[in-house]
Amino acid sequence: MHKLGVITTLLGLILSVVGLIVGFWKMLNGGENPEVWISLVPLGFVGLLLGVTLTQLSNNKQ
């Protein structure tokens, strides 16, 4: 469960950072559909929260 928590945390962090960077870059440069990229940020936060929770729960059982 610890390994799953670490993977989920990293994926959530990657989703948040990529969503912010690409979304704002497309907004500033007039690209199409920046909302799609910015909508990845809440999903990334959910992944971060889930990953940290799984990691902490696995530490309590040792």
C-alpha atoms as a PDB file:
ATOM      1  CA  MET A   1       0.000   0.000   0.000  1.00  0.00           C
ATOM      2  CA  HIS A   2       2.942   2.289   0.626  1.00  0.00           C
ATOM      3  CA  LYS A   3       4.215   1.881  -2.924  1.00  0.00           C
ATOM      4  CA  LEU A   4       0.756   2.674  -4.339  1.00  0.00           C
ATOM      5  CA  GLY A   5       0.621   5.814  -2.187  1.00  0.00           C
ATOM      6  CA  VAL A   6       3.991   7.009  -3.453  1.00  0.00           C
ATOM      7  CA  ILE A   7       3.016   6.382  -7.079  1.00  0.00           C
ATOM      8  CA  THR A   8      -0.327   8.160  -6.641  1.00  0.00           C
ATOM      9  CA  THR A   9       1.375  11.124  -4.985  1.00  0.00           C
ATOM     10  CA  LEU A  10       3.858  11.470  -7.828  1.00  0.00           C
ATOM     11  CA  LEU A  11       1.155  11.179 -10.487  1.00  0.00           C
ATOM     12  CA  GLY A  12      -0.936  13.813  -8.704  1.00  0.00           C
ATOM     13  CA  LEU A  13       2.015  16.153  -8.510  1.00  0.00           C
ATOM     14  CA  ILE A  14       2.797  15.666 -12.194  1.00  0.00           C
ATOM     15  CA  LEU A  15      -0.838  16.284 -13.185  1.00  0.00           C
ATOM     16  CA  SER A  16      -1.007  19.486 -11.150  1.00  0.00           C
ATOM     17  CA  VAL A  17       2.251  20.924 -12.447  1.00  0.00           C
ATOM     18  CA  VAL A  18       1.614  20.009 -16.086  1.00  0.00           C
ATOM     19  CA  GLY A  19      -1.948  21.323 -15.913  1.00  0.00           C
ATOM     20  CA  LEU A  20      -0.831  24.661 -14.502  1.00  0.00           C
ATOM     21  CA  ILE A  21       2.107  25.197 -16.830  1.00  0.00           C
ATOM     22  CA  VAL A  22       0.465  24.103 -20.086  1.00  0.00           C
ATOM     23  CA  GLY A  23      -2.906  25.645 -19.242  1.00  0.00           C
ATOM     24  CA  PHE A  24      -1.526  29.093 -18.473  1.00  0.00           C
ATOM     25  CA  TRP A  25       0.858  28.925 -21.430  1.00  0.00           C
ATOM     26  CA  LYS A  26      -2.059  28.192 -23.771  1.00  0.00           C
ATOM     27  CA  MET A  27      -4.133  30.969 -22.180  1.00  0.00           C
ATOM     28  CA  LEU A  28      -1.402  33.563 -22.602  1.00  0.00           C
ATOM     29  CA  ASN A  29      -0.590  32.540 -26.170  1.00  0.00           C
ATOM     30  CA  GLY A  30      -4.200  32.266 -27.326  1.00  0.00           C
ATOM     31  CA  GLY A  31      -4.199  28.506 -27.715  1.00  0.00           C
ATOM     32  CA  GLU A  32      -7.313  26.400 -28.034  1.00  0.00           C
ATOM     33  CA  ASN A  33      -8.956  24.797 -24.995  1.00  0.00           C
ATOM     34  CA  PRO A  34      -6.777  25.888 -22.076  1.00  0.00           C
ATOM     35  CA  GLU A  35      -9.657  24.806 -19.808  1.00  0.00           C
ATOM     36  CA  VAL A  36      -8.884  21.172 -20.538  1.00  0.00           C
ATOM     37  CA  TRP A  37      -5.355  21.546 -19.211  1.00  0.00           C
ATOM     38  CA  ILE A  38      -6.334  23.644 -16.209  1.00  0.00           C
ATOM     39  CA  SER A  39      -9.013  21.085 -15.307  1.00  0.00           C
ATOM     40  CA  LEU A  40      -6.193  18.609 -14.620  1.00  0.00           C
ATOM     41  CA  VAL A  41      -5.162  20.617 -11.552  1.00  0.00           C
ATOM     42  CA  PRO A  42      -8.060  19.523  -9.277  1.00  0.00           C
ATOM     43  CA  LEU A  43      -7.515  15.927 -10.361  1.00  0.00           C
ATOM     44  CA  GLY A  44      -3.879  16.289  -9.402  1.00  0.00           C
ATOM     45  CA  PHE A  45      -4.817  17.596  -5.964  1.00  0.00           C
ATOM     46  CA  VAL A  46      -7.126  14.634  -5.444  1.00  0.00           C
ATOM     47  CA  GLY A  47      -4.270  12.329  -6.436  1.00  0.00           C
ATOM     48  CA  LEU A  48      -1.930  14.075  -4.029  1.00  0.00           C
ATOM     49  CA  LEU A  49      -4.420  13.798  -1.175  1.00  0.00           C
ATOM     50  CA  LEU A  50      -5.124  10.138  -1.895  1.00  0.00           C
ATOM     51  CA  GLY A  51      -1.437   9.301  -2.202  1.00  0.00           C
ATOM     52  CA  VAL A  52      -0.451  11.003   1.037  1.00  0.00           C
ATOM     53  CA  THR A  53      -3.358   9.337   2.845  1.00  0.00           C
ATOM     54  CA  LEU A  54      -2.408   5.889   1.551  1.00  0.00           C
ATOM     55  CA  THR A  55       1.208   6.450   2.506  1.00  0.00           C
ATOM     56  CA  GLN A  56       0.335   7.552   6.027  1.00  0.00           C
ATOM     57  CA  LEU A  57      -2.094   4.694   6.546  1.00  0.00           C
ATOM     58  CA  SER A  58       0.529   2.169   5.510  1.00  0.00           C
ATOM     59  CA  ASN A  59       3.021   3.654   7.993  1.00  0.00           C
ATOM     60  CA  ASN A  60       0.594   3.141  10.899  1.00  0.00           C
ATOM     61  CA  LYS A  61       0.331  -0.599  10.301  1.00  0.00           C
ATOM     62  CA  GLN A  62       4.038  -1.331  10.674  1.00  0.00           C
END
